[in-house]
Amino acid sequence: MTVEIVFDLVCPWCFLGTRRLLRALRSRPDVLAELQWRPFLLNPDIAPDGIARQDYLVRKFGGEDRARRLHAAIADVGRQEGIDFRFDRIRRIPSSVDAHRLVRFAAQHGLAEAMVDRLYEAYFLEGADIGATETLAALGAAIGLEFRATRQFLYGHAETEAVHADNLRAHRLGINGVPCFVIGGRHAIAGAQEPEVLERLLEVALVEGI
């Protein structure tokens, strides 16, 4: 069964939703799921070197106060999933294109899932700049990728067009928010759903013989 995960690495709800999906899949060892990671760019216009967090919060939320309330609500949900969000540590909002490229590179080595989780933790728990090439190369090495090869890949342009193509594909399919999970190419559900909801969707897909 194919499970497409349409996501962005700077999206806290995607972090939550992915953790919940993986928990749902672990509860169904009878389901052999092939995970396909599909990029979605929430901030496609951000410059390659990112934007200062304060400037971003003003532009997106109107200021720090509203953002703080929203982040507090997300943090409450995160604690239920064992995620200790530390939004206060984030100093720069990055372009996520290179991070998505790194996930695709990791997928070539069978390490996509580990790479996604490490990127989420680095950004949302540690405040790492996941738009910085050297940071990304080090994170790749931390999950088992060869550092020099990863660094060389990131300094090139491989997979950039593919990331943008997947982002465009998502929009053309009518996906305008993430996370979104597409099971068997037929059943889609958006949002950081509870594992029980995801389990029911998996069951529907199984009954239909996908």
N, C-alpha and C. Protein backbone atom coordinates (compact mmCIF):
# COMPACT_ATOMS: atom_id res chain seq x y z
N MET A 1 0.85 -1.19 0.00
CA MET A 1 0.00 0.00 0.00
C MET A 1 0.88 1.24 0.00
N THR A 2 0.65 2.13 -0.95
CA THR A 2 1.41 3.38 -0.98
C THR A 2 0.72 4.42 -0.09
N VAL A 3 1.53 5.13 0.67
CA VAL A 3 1.05 6.23 1.49
C VAL A 3 1.88 7.45 1.15
N GLU A 4 1.26 8.40 0.46
CA GLU A 4 1.96 9.64 0.12
C GLU A 4 1.77 10.64 1.26
N ILE A 5 2.88 11.20 1.70
CA ILE A 5 2.86 12.20 2.76
C ILE A 5 3.22 13.53 2.13
N VAL A 6 2.23 14.39 1.99
CA VAL A 6 2.45 15.73 1.42
C VAL A 6 2.71 16.66 2.61
N PHE A 7 3.88 17.26 2.64
CA PHE A 7 4.31 17.91 3.86
C PHE A 7 5.32 19.03 3.59
N ASP A 8 5.51 19.87 4.61
CA ASP A 8 6.61 20.82 4.58
C ASP A 8 7.37 20.70 5.89
N LEU A 9 8.65 20.88 5.82
CA LEU A 9 9.51 20.68 6.98
C LEU A 9 9.50 21.85 7.95
N VAL A 10 8.85 22.95 7.59
CA VAL A 10 8.72 24.08 8.51
C VAL A 10 7.29 24.18 9.05
N CYS A 11 6.55 23.09 8.91
CA CYS A 11 5.15 23.05 9.34
C CYS A 11 5.02 22.21 10.60
N PRO A 12 4.69 22.82 11.74
CA PRO A 12 4.57 22.04 12.98
C PRO A 12 3.47 21.01 12.94
N TRP A 13 2.38 21.31 12.24
CA TRP A 13 1.29 20.34 12.13
C TRP A 13 1.72 19.13 11.31
N CYS A 14 2.62 19.34 10.37
CA CYS A 14 3.15 18.21 9.60
C CYS A 14 3.99 17.30 10.49
N PHE A 15 4.78 17.91 11.38
CA PHE A 15 5.55 17.13 12.35
C PHE A 15 4.61 16.27 13.18
N LEU A 16 3.58 16.88 13.72
CA LEU A 16 2.60 16.15 14.52
C LEU A 16 1.89 15.08 13.70
N GLY A 17 1.43 15.47 12.51
CA GLY A 17 0.68 14.54 11.68
C GLY A 17 1.50 13.34 11.26
N THR A 18 2.77 13.58 10.95
CA THR A 18 3.65 12.48 10.54
C THR A 18 3.88 11.51 11.69
N ARG A 19 4.12 12.06 12.88
CA ARG A 19 4.29 11.20 14.06
C ARG A 19 3.04 10.34 14.29
N ARG A 20 1.88 10.94 14.12
CA ARG A 20 0.63 10.21 14.34
C ARG A 20 0.42 9.13 13.27
N LEU A 21 0.75 9.47 12.02
CA LEU A 21 0.63 8.48 10.96
C LEU A 21 1.52 7.28 11.23
N LEU A 22 2.76 7.54 11.60
CA LEU A 22 3.70 6.45 11.86
C LEU A 22 3.24 5.60 13.04
N ARG A 23 2.62 6.25 14.04
CA ARG A 23 2.07 5.50 15.17
C ARG A 23 0.92 4.61 14.71
N ALA A 24 0.08 5.15 13.84
CA ALA A 24 -1.03 4.35 13.31
C ALA A 24 -0.52 3.15 12.52
N LEU A 25 0.53 3.36 11.74
CA LEU A 25 1.08 2.26 10.95
C LEU A 25 1.74 1.21 11.83
N ARG A 26 2.37 1.65 12.92
CA ARG A 26 2.99 0.68 13.84
C ARG A 26 1.93 -0.20 14.51
N SER A 27 0.72 0.35 14.66
CA SER A 27 -0.35 -0.43 15.28
C SER A 27 -0.96 -1.45 14.31
N ARG A 28 -0.57 -1.34 13.04
CA ARG A 28 -1.06 -2.27 12.03
C ARG A 28 0.11 -2.95 11.32
N PRO A 29 0.78 -3.87 12.02
CA PRO A 29 1.94 -4.54 11.41
C PRO A 29 1.57 -5.38 10.19
N ASP A 30 0.27 -5.62 10.02
CA ASP A 30 -0.17 -6.39 8.85
C ASP A 30 -0.18 -5.54 7.59
N VAL A 31 -0.03 -4.22 7.74
CA VAL A 31 -0.05 -3.32 6.59
C VAL A 31 1.39 -2.99 6.19
N LEU A 32 1.74 -3.38 4.98
CA LEU A 32 3.06 -3.05 4.46
C LEU A 32 2.94 -1.75 3.67
N ALA A 33 3.37 -0.66 4.29
CA ALA A 33 3.20 0.66 3.68
C ALA A 33 4.48 1.14 3.03
N GLU A 34 4.34 1.60 1.81
CA GLU A 34 5.46 2.25 1.11
C GLU A 34 5.25 3.76 1.23
N LEU A 35 6.09 4.40 2.03
CA LEU A 35 5.94 5.83 2.26
C LEU A 35 6.60 6.61 1.13
N GLN A 36 5.86 7.57 0.61
CA GLN A 36 6.37 8.45 -0.43
C GLN A 36 6.26 9.88 0.07
N TRP A 37 7.40 10.56 0.19
CA TRP A 37 7.45 11.90 0.77
C TRP A 37 7.32 12.93 -0.34
N ARG A 38 6.25 13.73 -0.30
CA ARG A 38 5.94 14.69 -1.36
C ARG A 38 6.07 16.13 -0.85
N PRO A 39 6.99 16.90 -1.37
CA PRO A 39 7.19 18.27 -0.90
C PRO A 39 6.00 19.18 -1.16
N PHE A 40 5.76 20.06 -0.21
CA PHE A 40 4.79 21.13 -0.33
C PHE A 40 5.46 22.36 0.26
N LEU A 41 5.53 23.44 -0.49
CA LEU A 41 6.24 24.63 -0.04
C LEU A 41 5.26 25.65 0.52
N LEU A 42 5.21 25.76 1.83
CA LEU A 42 4.32 26.73 2.46
C LEU A 42 4.76 28.16 2.21
N ASN A 43 6.06 28.36 2.07
CA ASN A 43 6.61 29.70 1.86
C ASN A 43 7.48 29.72 0.61
N PRO A 44 6.86 29.55 -0.55
CA PRO A 44 7.66 29.42 -1.79
C PRO A 44 8.43 30.68 -2.16
N ASP A 45 8.02 31.83 -1.61
CA ASP A 45 8.66 33.09 -2.00
C ASP A 45 9.80 33.50 -1.08
N ILE A 46 10.05 32.72 -0.04
CA ILE A 46 11.16 33.08 0.86
C ILE A 46 12.49 32.91 0.13
N ALA A 47 13.39 33.86 0.33
CA ALA A 47 14.71 33.82 -0.31
C ALA A 47 15.48 32.60 0.16
N PRO A 48 16.44 32.14 -0.66
CA PRO A 48 17.21 30.95 -0.29
C PRO A 48 17.88 31.03 1.08
N ASP A 49 18.25 32.24 1.51
CA ASP A 49 18.90 32.36 2.82
C ASP A 49 17.90 32.63 3.94
N GLY A 50 16.60 32.55 3.65
CA GLY A 50 15.59 32.66 4.68
C GLY A 50 15.23 34.09 5.04
N ILE A 51 14.51 34.23 6.14
CA ILE A 51 14.04 35.53 6.60
C ILE A 51 14.08 35.56 8.12
N ALA A 52 14.38 36.70 8.69
CA ALA A 52 14.40 36.82 10.15
C ALA A 52 13.04 36.45 10.73
N ARG A 53 13.04 35.74 11.84
CA ARG A 53 11.79 35.25 12.43
C ARG A 53 10.82 36.39 12.74
N GLN A 54 11.32 37.48 13.29
CA GLN A 54 10.45 38.59 13.66
C GLN A 54 9.76 39.17 12.44
N ASP A 55 10.49 39.33 11.36
CA ASP A 55 9.90 39.86 10.12
C ASP A 55 8.83 38.92 9.59
N TYR A 56 9.10 37.63 9.69
CA TYR A 56 8.16 36.63 9.20
C TYR A 56 6.87 36.65 10.03
N LEU A 57 7.02 36.73 11.35
CA LEU A 57 5.84 36.71 12.22
C LEU A 57 4.95 37.92 11.97
N VAL A 58 5.56 39.06 11.72
CA VAL A 58 4.78 40.26 11.42
C VAL A 58 4.02 40.07 10.11
N ARG A 59 4.72 39.53 9.12
CA ARG A 59 4.11 39.36 7.80
C ARG A 59 2.99 38.32 7.82
N LYS A 60 3.19 37.21 8.55
CA LYS A 60 2.24 36.10 8.50
C LYS A 60 1.15 36.20 9.56
N PHE A 61 1.50 36.65 10.75
CA PHE A 61 0.54 36.65 11.86
C PHE A 61 0.19 38.04 12.36
N GLY A 62 0.87 39.05 11.86
CA GLY A 62 0.59 40.39 12.33
C GLY A 62 1.40 40.80 13.54
N GLY A 63 2.22 39.89 14.03
CA GLY A 63 3.07 40.23 15.17
C GLY A 63 3.32 39.06 16.09
N GLU A 64 4.15 39.28 17.08
CA GLU A 64 4.59 38.24 18.01
C GLU A 64 3.47 37.71 18.89
N ASP A 65 2.56 38.57 19.32
CA ASP A 65 1.54 38.15 20.29
C ASP A 65 0.64 37.05 19.74
N ARG A 66 0.12 37.25 18.54
CA ARG A 66 -0.77 36.25 17.96
C ARG A 66 0.00 34.95 17.69
N ALA A 67 1.23 35.10 17.22
CA ALA A 67 2.04 33.91 16.96
C ALA A 67 2.30 33.14 18.24
N ARG A 68 2.54 33.85 19.33
CA ARG A 68 2.81 33.18 20.61
C ARG A 68 1.60 32.37 21.07
N ARG A 69 0.41 32.92 20.88
CA ARG A 69 -0.79 32.17 21.27
C ARG A 69 -0.97 30.92 20.43
N LEU A 70 -0.75 31.05 19.13
CA LEU A 70 -0.88 29.90 18.24
C LEU A 70 0.17 28.84 18.57
N HIS A 71 1.38 29.29 18.83
CA HIS A 71 2.46 28.34 19.14
C HIS A 71 2.20 27.63 20.47
N ALA A 72 1.61 28.34 21.43
CA ALA A 72 1.29 27.72 22.72
C ALA A 72 0.27 26.60 22.53
N ALA A 73 -0.71 26.84 21.66
CA ALA A 73 -1.73 25.82 21.39
C ALA A 73 -1.10 24.60 20.72
N ILE A 74 -0.20 24.84 19.78
CA ILE A 74 0.47 23.73 19.10
C ILE A 74 1.35 22.96 20.08
N ALA A 75 2.03 23.69 20.97
CA ALA A 75 2.91 23.05 21.95
C ALA A 75 2.12 22.14 22.88
N ASP A 76 0.90 22.55 23.23
CA ASP A 76 0.06 21.72 24.09
C ASP A 76 -0.26 20.38 23.42
N VAL A 77 -0.60 20.45 22.13
CA VAL A 77 -0.88 19.22 21.39
C VAL A 77 0.39 18.40 21.24
N GLY A 78 1.51 19.08 21.00
CA GLY A 78 2.78 18.39 20.82
C GLY A 78 3.17 17.56 22.02
N ARG A 79 2.95 18.09 23.21
CA ARG A 79 3.32 17.35 24.42
C ARG A 79 2.58 16.01 24.51
N GLN A 80 1.38 15.97 23.98
CA GLN A 80 0.62 14.72 23.99
C GLN A 80 1.27 13.67 23.08
N GLU A 81 2.07 14.13 22.12
CA GLU A 81 2.76 13.22 21.20
C GLU A 81 4.23 13.06 21.55
N GLY A 82 4.63 13.61 22.69
CA GLY A 82 6.02 13.51 23.09
C GLY A 82 6.94 14.47 22.36
N ILE A 83 6.38 15.53 21.81
CA ILE A 83 7.16 16.53 21.08
C ILE A 83 7.23 17.81 21.92
N ASP A 84 8.42 18.23 22.26
CA ASP A 84 8.62 19.44 23.06
C ASP A 84 8.98 20.59 22.14
N PHE A 85 7.97 21.18 21.52
CA PHE A 85 8.22 22.30 20.61
C PHE A 85 8.93 23.44 21.35
N ARG A 86 9.95 23.99 20.69
CA ARG A 86 10.65 25.14 21.25
C ARG A 86 10.72 26.24 20.18
N PHE A 87 9.58 26.85 19.94
CA PHE A 87 9.50 27.89 18.92
C PHE A 87 10.40 29.07 19.26
N ASP A 88 10.66 29.28 20.56
CA ASP A 88 11.50 30.40 20.98
C ASP A 88 12.94 30.27 20.51
N ARG A 89 13.36 29.06 20.17
CA ARG A 89 14.73 28.85 19.71
C ARG A 89 14.91 29.15 18.22
N ILE A 90 13.82 29.25 17.50
CA ILE A 90 13.90 29.51 16.06
C ILE A 90 14.21 30.99 15.84
N ARG A 91 15.31 31.27 15.18
CA ARG A 91 15.71 32.64 14.92
C ARG A 91 15.53 33.06 13.47
N ARG A 92 15.43 32.06 12.61
CA ARG A 92 15.32 32.36 11.18
C ARG A 92 14.36 31.37 10.53
N ILE A 93 13.46 31.88 9.70
CA ILE A 93 12.54 31.02 8.95
C ILE A 93 13.22 30.71 7.62
N PRO A 94 13.54 29.45 7.37
CA PRO A 94 14.30 29.11 6.17
C PRO A 94 13.42 28.82 4.96
N SER A 95 14.04 28.89 3.82
CA SER A 95 13.44 28.24 2.65
C SER A 95 13.60 26.74 2.89
N SER A 96 12.57 25.97 2.59
CA SER A 96 12.65 24.53 2.87
C SER A 96 13.04 23.71 1.64
N VAL A 97 13.36 24.37 0.54
CA VAL A 97 13.66 23.65 -0.70
C VAL A 97 14.84 22.70 -0.51
N ASP A 98 15.94 23.18 0.07
CA ASP A 98 17.12 22.33 0.22
C ASP A 98 16.88 21.20 1.21
N ALA A 99 16.09 21.46 2.23
CA ALA A 99 15.76 20.38 3.18
C ALA A 99 14.96 19.28 2.48
N HIS A 100 14.03 19.67 1.61
CA HIS A 100 13.29 18.67 0.83
C HIS A 100 14.22 17.93 -0.12
N ARG A 101 15.17 18.64 -0.69
CA ARG A 101 16.16 17.98 -1.55
C ARG A 101 16.94 16.94 -0.75
N LEU A 102 17.28 17.28 0.48
CA LEU A 102 18.03 16.35 1.32
C LEU A 102 17.21 15.09 1.63
N VAL A 103 15.91 15.25 1.82
CA VAL A 103 15.04 14.09 2.04
C VAL A 103 15.07 13.17 0.82
N ARG A 104 15.04 13.76 -0.35
CA ARG A 104 15.07 12.95 -1.58
C ARG A 104 16.42 12.24 -1.71
N PHE A 105 17.48 12.92 -1.32
CA PHE A 105 18.82 12.30 -1.35
C PHE A 105 18.86 11.14 -0.35
N ALA A 106 18.32 11.36 0.84
CA ALA A 106 18.29 10.31 1.85
C ALA A 106 17.46 9.12 1.39
N ALA A 107 16.39 9.39 0.64
CA ALA A 107 15.54 8.31 0.14
C ALA A 107 16.32 7.36 -0.77
N GLN A 108 17.30 7.90 -1.47
CA GLN A 108 18.12 7.06 -2.34
C GLN A 108 18.94 6.06 -1.54
N HIS A 109 19.08 6.32 -0.25
CA HIS A 109 19.85 5.44 0.64
C HIS A 109 18.96 4.75 1.67
N GLY A 110 17.64 4.81 1.43
CA GLY A 110 16.71 4.15 2.33
C GLY A 110 16.57 4.82 3.69
N LEU A 111 16.85 6.13 3.74
CA LEU A 111 16.86 6.84 5.02
C LEU A 111 15.91 8.04 5.05
N ALA A 112 14.92 8.04 4.19
CA ALA A 112 14.02 9.20 4.11
C ALA A 112 13.29 9.45 5.42
N GLU A 113 12.72 8.39 5.99
CA GLU A 113 11.94 8.57 7.22
C GLU A 113 12.81 9.13 8.34
N ALA A 114 14.00 8.56 8.50
CA ALA A 114 14.91 9.04 9.54
C ALA A 114 15.33 10.48 9.28
N MET A 115 15.50 10.84 8.01
CA MET A 115 15.92 12.19 7.66
C MET A 115 14.82 13.20 7.97
N VAL A 116 13.60 12.85 7.63
CA VAL A 116 12.48 13.75 7.92
C VAL A 116 12.37 14.01 9.41
N ASP A 117 12.44 12.94 10.20
CA ASP A 117 12.29 13.10 11.64
C ASP A 117 13.43 13.93 12.23
N ARG A 118 14.64 13.71 11.74
CA ARG A 118 15.79 14.47 12.26
C ARG A 118 15.67 15.94 11.89
N LEU A 119 15.19 16.24 10.69
CA LEU A 119 15.00 17.63 10.28
C LEU A 119 13.94 18.31 11.14
N TYR A 120 12.84 17.62 11.38
CA TYR A 120 11.80 18.19 12.24
C TYR A 120 12.35 18.49 13.63
N GLU A 121 13.06 17.54 14.20
CA GLU A 121 13.58 17.73 15.55
C GLU A 121 14.60 18.88 15.59
N ALA A 122 15.46 18.92 14.58
CA ALA A 122 16.47 19.97 14.56
C ALA A 122 15.84 21.36 14.49
N TYR A 123 14.80 21.48 13.70
CA TYR A 123 14.17 22.79 13.52
C TYR A 123 13.28 23.16 14.69
N PHE A 124 12.36 22.28 15.05
CA PHE A 124 11.33 22.64 16.03
C PHE A 124 11.77 22.44 17.49
N LEU A 125 12.77 21.60 17.73
CA LEU A 125 13.21 21.37 19.10
C LEU A 125 14.51 22.12 19.41
N GLU A 126 15.37 22.26 18.39
CA GLU A 126 16.69 22.84 18.62
C GLU A 126 16.86 24.22 18.00
N GLY A 127 15.93 24.61 17.13
CA GLY A 127 16.04 25.91 16.48
C GLY A 127 17.11 25.99 15.42
N ALA A 128 17.51 24.83 14.86
CA ALA A 128 18.55 24.81 13.81
C ALA A 128 18.02 25.46 12.54
N ASP A 129 18.93 26.09 11.81
CA ASP A 129 18.58 26.69 10.52
C ASP A 129 18.67 25.61 9.45
N ILE A 130 17.53 25.01 9.11
CA ILE A 130 17.53 23.92 8.14
C ILE A 130 17.51 24.43 6.70
N GLY A 131 17.84 25.71 6.55
CA GLY A 131 18.07 26.24 5.21
C GLY A 131 19.55 26.39 4.92
N ALA A 132 20.38 26.18 5.94
CA ALA A 132 21.84 26.35 5.80
C ALA A 132 22.48 25.05 5.34
N THR A 133 23.26 25.13 4.30
CA THR A 133 23.83 23.92 3.69
C THR A 133 24.68 23.12 4.65
N GLU A 134 25.55 23.78 5.39
CA GLU A 134 26.43 23.05 6.31
C GLU A 134 25.62 22.37 7.41
N THR A 135 24.59 23.03 7.88
CA THR A 135 23.71 22.43 8.90
C THR A 135 23.03 21.18 8.33
N LEU A 136 22.52 21.29 7.12
CA LEU A 136 21.85 20.15 6.49
C LEU A 136 22.81 18.98 6.29
N ALA A 137 24.02 19.27 5.85
CA ALA A 137 25.00 18.21 5.64
C ALA A 137 25.31 17.49 6.95
N ALA A 138 25.43 18.24 8.03
CA ALA A 138 25.70 17.63 9.33
C ALA A 138 24.53 16.78 9.80
N LEU A 139 23.31 17.26 9.56
CA LEU A 139 22.13 16.48 9.94
C LEU A 139 22.04 15.19 9.13
N GLY A 140 22.40 15.27 7.86
CA GLY A 140 22.43 14.07 7.05
C GLY A 140 23.44 13.06 7.58
N ALA A 141 24.62 13.55 7.94
CA ALA A 141 25.65 12.66 8.49
C ALA A 141 25.19 12.03 9.79
N ALA A 142 24.39 12.75 10.56
CA ALA A 142 23.93 12.26 11.86
C ALA A 142 23.03 11.04 11.74
N ILE A 143 22.38 10.88 10.58
CA ILE A 143 21.50 9.71 10.41
C ILE A 143 22.12 8.66 9.51
N GLY A 144 23.41 8.86 9.16
CA GLY A 144 24.12 7.81 8.44
C GLY A 144 24.51 8.11 7.02
N LEU A 145 24.20 9.29 6.51
CA LEU A 145 24.64 9.66 5.17
C LEU A 145 26.11 10.06 5.20
N GLU A 146 26.81 9.82 4.12
CA GLU A 146 28.22 10.18 4.05
C GLU A 146 28.33 11.70 3.92
N PHE A 147 29.07 12.32 4.81
CA PHE A 147 29.07 13.78 4.92
C PHE A 147 29.52 14.46 3.63
N ARG A 148 30.63 14.05 3.07
CA ARG A 148 31.15 14.75 1.88
C ARG A 148 30.21 14.61 0.70
N ALA A 149 29.66 13.43 0.51
CA ALA A 149 28.73 13.22 -0.61
C ALA A 149 27.47 14.05 -0.42
N THR A 150 27.00 14.11 0.82
CA THR A 150 25.80 14.89 1.12
C THR A 150 26.06 16.37 0.88
N ARG A 151 27.18 16.83 1.35
CA ARG A 151 27.55 18.25 1.19
C ARG A 151 27.67 18.61 -0.29
N GLN A 152 28.30 17.74 -1.05
CA GLN A 152 28.46 17.98 -2.49
C GLN A 152 27.09 18.03 -3.17
N PHE A 153 26.20 17.12 -2.79
CA PHE A 153 24.86 17.11 -3.35
C PHE A 153 24.14 18.43 -3.05
N LEU A 154 24.23 18.88 -1.82
CA LEU A 154 23.51 20.09 -1.41
C LEU A 154 24.04 21.34 -2.09
N TYR A 155 25.32 21.39 -2.34
CA TYR A 155 25.89 22.56 -3.01
C TYR A 155 25.59 22.58 -4.51
N GLY A 156 25.06 21.48 -5.02
CA GLY A 156 24.64 21.44 -6.41
C GLY A 156 23.17 21.81 -6.53
N HIS A 157 22.55 21.40 -7.63
CA HIS A 157 21.15 21.75 -7.87
C HIS A 157 20.27 20.53 -8.13
N ALA A 158 20.84 19.36 -7.94
CA ALA A 158 20.07 18.14 -8.19
C ALA A 158 18.82 18.09 -7.33
N GLU A 159 17.73 17.64 -7.91
CA GLU A 159 16.42 17.46 -7.28
C GLU A 159 15.66 18.77 -7.01
N THR A 160 16.26 19.90 -7.35
CA THR A 160 15.53 21.17 -7.12
C THR A 160 14.28 21.23 -7.98
N GLU A 161 14.42 20.91 -9.25
CA GLU A 161 13.25 20.93 -10.14
C GLU A 161 12.20 19.91 -9.69
N ALA A 162 12.66 18.78 -9.19
CA ALA A 162 11.72 17.75 -8.75
C ALA A 162 10.92 18.23 -7.54
N VAL A 163 11.56 18.95 -6.63
CA VAL A 163 10.85 19.50 -5.46
C VAL A 163 9.77 20.47 -5.91
N HIS A 164 10.12 21.36 -6.81
CA HIS A 164 9.13 22.33 -7.31
C HIS A 164 8.02 21.64 -8.11
N ALA A 165 8.39 20.58 -8.82
CA ALA A 165 7.37 19.86 -9.60
C ALA A 165 6.37 19.17 -8.68
N ASP A 166 6.86 18.58 -7.58
CA ASP A 166 5.95 17.94 -6.64
C ASP A 166 5.06 18.97 -5.95
N ASN A 167 5.61 20.12 -5.65
CA ASN A 167 4.82 21.19 -5.04
C ASN A 167 3.70 21.62 -6.00
N LEU A 168 4.04 21.78 -7.27
CA LEU A 168 3.04 22.16 -8.27
C LEU A 168 1.99 21.07 -8.42
N ARG A 169 2.42 19.82 -8.41
CA ARG A 169 1.50 18.70 -8.53
C ARG A 169 0.49 18.71 -7.39
N ALA A 170 0.96 18.98 -6.19
CA ALA A 170 0.06 19.00 -5.04
C ALA A 170 -1.03 20.06 -5.22
N HIS A 171 -0.63 21.24 -5.67
CA HIS A 171 -1.61 22.30 -5.89
C HIS A 171 -2.60 21.92 -6.98
N ARG A 172 -2.11 21.29 -8.02
CA ARG A 172 -2.99 20.89 -9.11
C ARG A 172 -3.98 19.81 -8.68
N LEU A 173 -3.60 19.03 -7.68
CA LEU A 173 -4.49 18.01 -7.14
C LEU A 173 -5.50 18.60 -6.16
N GLY A 174 -5.38 19.90 -5.92
CA GLY A 174 -6.31 20.56 -5.02
C GLY A 174 -5.87 20.59 -3.57
N ILE A 175 -4.63 20.20 -3.32
CA ILE A 175 -4.10 20.23 -1.95
C ILE A 175 -3.62 21.64 -1.66
N ASN A 176 -4.24 22.29 -0.71
CA ASN A 176 -3.83 23.66 -0.38
C ASN A 176 -3.44 23.83 1.08
N GLY A 177 -3.30 22.70 1.76
CA GLY A 177 -2.86 22.73 3.14
C GLY A 177 -2.22 21.41 3.51
N VAL A 178 -1.30 21.43 4.45
CA VAL A 178 -0.60 20.22 4.85
C VAL A 178 -0.58 20.11 6.37
N PRO A 179 -0.43 18.87 6.86
CA PRO A 179 -0.13 17.66 6.09
C PRO A 179 -1.35 17.13 5.36
N CYS A 180 -1.09 16.36 4.34
CA CYS A 180 -2.13 15.65 3.62
C CYS A 180 -1.60 14.25 3.32
N PHE A 181 -2.41 13.26 3.61
CA PHE A 181 -2.00 11.88 3.40
C PHE A 181 -2.89 11.26 2.32
N VAL A 182 -2.24 10.68 1.32
CA VAL A 182 -2.96 10.06 0.21
C VAL A 182 -2.63 8.57 0.21
N ILE A 183 -3.65 7.76 0.41
CA ILE A 183 -3.46 6.31 0.54
C ILE A 183 -3.91 5.61 -0.72
N GLY A 184 -2.98 4.88 -1.29
CA GLY A 184 -3.29 4.13 -2.50
C GLY A 184 -3.65 4.98 -3.69
N GLY A 185 -3.30 6.25 -3.63
CA GLY A 185 -3.61 7.14 -4.73
C GLY A 185 -5.07 7.53 -4.84
N ARG A 186 -5.90 7.08 -3.86
CA ARG A 186 -7.35 7.30 -3.98
C ARG A 186 -7.95 8.02 -2.77
N HIS A 187 -7.51 7.66 -1.60
CA HIS A 187 -8.09 8.22 -0.39
C HIS A 187 -7.15 9.28 0.19
N ALA A 188 -7.67 10.47 0.39
CA ALA A 188 -6.85 11.56 0.93
C ALA A 188 -7.50 12.12 2.19
N ILE A 189 -6.66 12.49 3.12
CA ILE A 189 -7.14 13.14 4.34
C ILE A 189 -6.13 14.19 4.75
N ALA A 190 -6.63 15.36 5.09
CA ALA A 190 -5.75 16.48 5.41
C ALA A 190 -5.76 16.74 6.92
N GLY A 191 -4.69 17.31 7.39
CA GLY A 191 -4.61 17.70 8.80
C GLY A 191 -3.88 16.69 9.65
N ALA A 192 -3.48 17.14 10.85
CA ALA A 192 -2.79 16.26 11.80
C ALA A 192 -3.81 15.42 12.54
N GLN A 193 -4.35 14.45 11.83
CA GLN A 193 -5.45 13.64 12.36
C GLN A 193 -4.97 12.73 13.50
N GLU A 194 -5.91 12.39 14.38
CA GLU A 194 -5.61 11.43 15.44
C GLU A 194 -5.29 10.07 14.81
N PRO A 195 -4.41 9.28 15.45
CA PRO A 195 -4.06 7.97 14.88
C PRO A 195 -5.27 7.09 14.61
N GLU A 196 -6.30 7.19 15.46
CA GLU A 196 -7.50 6.36 15.27
C GLU A 196 -8.21 6.68 13.95
N VAL A 197 -8.20 7.96 13.58
CA VAL A 197 -8.81 8.36 12.31
C VAL A 197 -8.00 7.79 11.14
N LEU A 198 -6.70 7.86 11.26
CA LEU A 198 -5.84 7.35 10.21
C LEU A 198 -5.96 5.83 10.10
N GLU A 199 -6.11 5.16 11.24
CA GLU A 199 -6.29 3.71 11.22
C GLU A 199 -7.57 3.32 10.48
N ARG A 200 -8.64 4.09 10.69
CA ARG A 200 -9.90 3.80 9.99
C ARG A 200 -9.74 3.98 8.48
N LEU A 201 -8.98 5.00 8.08
CA LEU A 201 -8.77 5.22 6.65
C LEU A 201 -7.95 4.08 6.06
N LEU A 202 -6.96 3.61 6.79
CA LEU A 202 -6.18 2.46 6.34
C LEU A 202 -7.08 1.24 6.17
N GLU A 203 -8.01 1.06 7.11
CA GLU A 203 -8.91 -0.07 7.05
C GLU A 203 -9.79 0.00 5.81
N VAL A 204 -10.28 1.19 5.50
CA VAL A 204 -11.11 1.38 4.30
C VAL A 204 -10.31 0.99 3.05
N ALA A 205 -9.06 1.44 3.02
CA ALA A 205 -8.21 1.13 1.87
C ALA A 205 -7.97 -0.36 1.75
N LEU A 206 -7.79 -1.03 2.87
CA LEU A 206 -7.57 -2.46 2.85
C LEU A 206 -8.80 -3.22 2.36
N VAL A 207 -9.96 -2.80 2.84
CA VAL A 207 -11.21 -3.45 2.43
C VAL A 207 -11.44 -3.32 0.93
N GLU A 208 -11.03 -2.17 0.39
CA GLU A 208 -11.21 -1.94 -1.04
C GLU A 208 -10.13 -2.63 -1.88
N GLY A 209 -9.17 -3.24 -1.18
CA GLY A 209 -8.16 -3.99 -1.89
C GLY A 209 -7.08 -3.17 -2.54
N ILE A 210 -6.82 -1.98 -1.98
CA ILE A 210 -5.77 -1.13 -2.57
C ILE A 210 -4.42 -1.72 -2.25
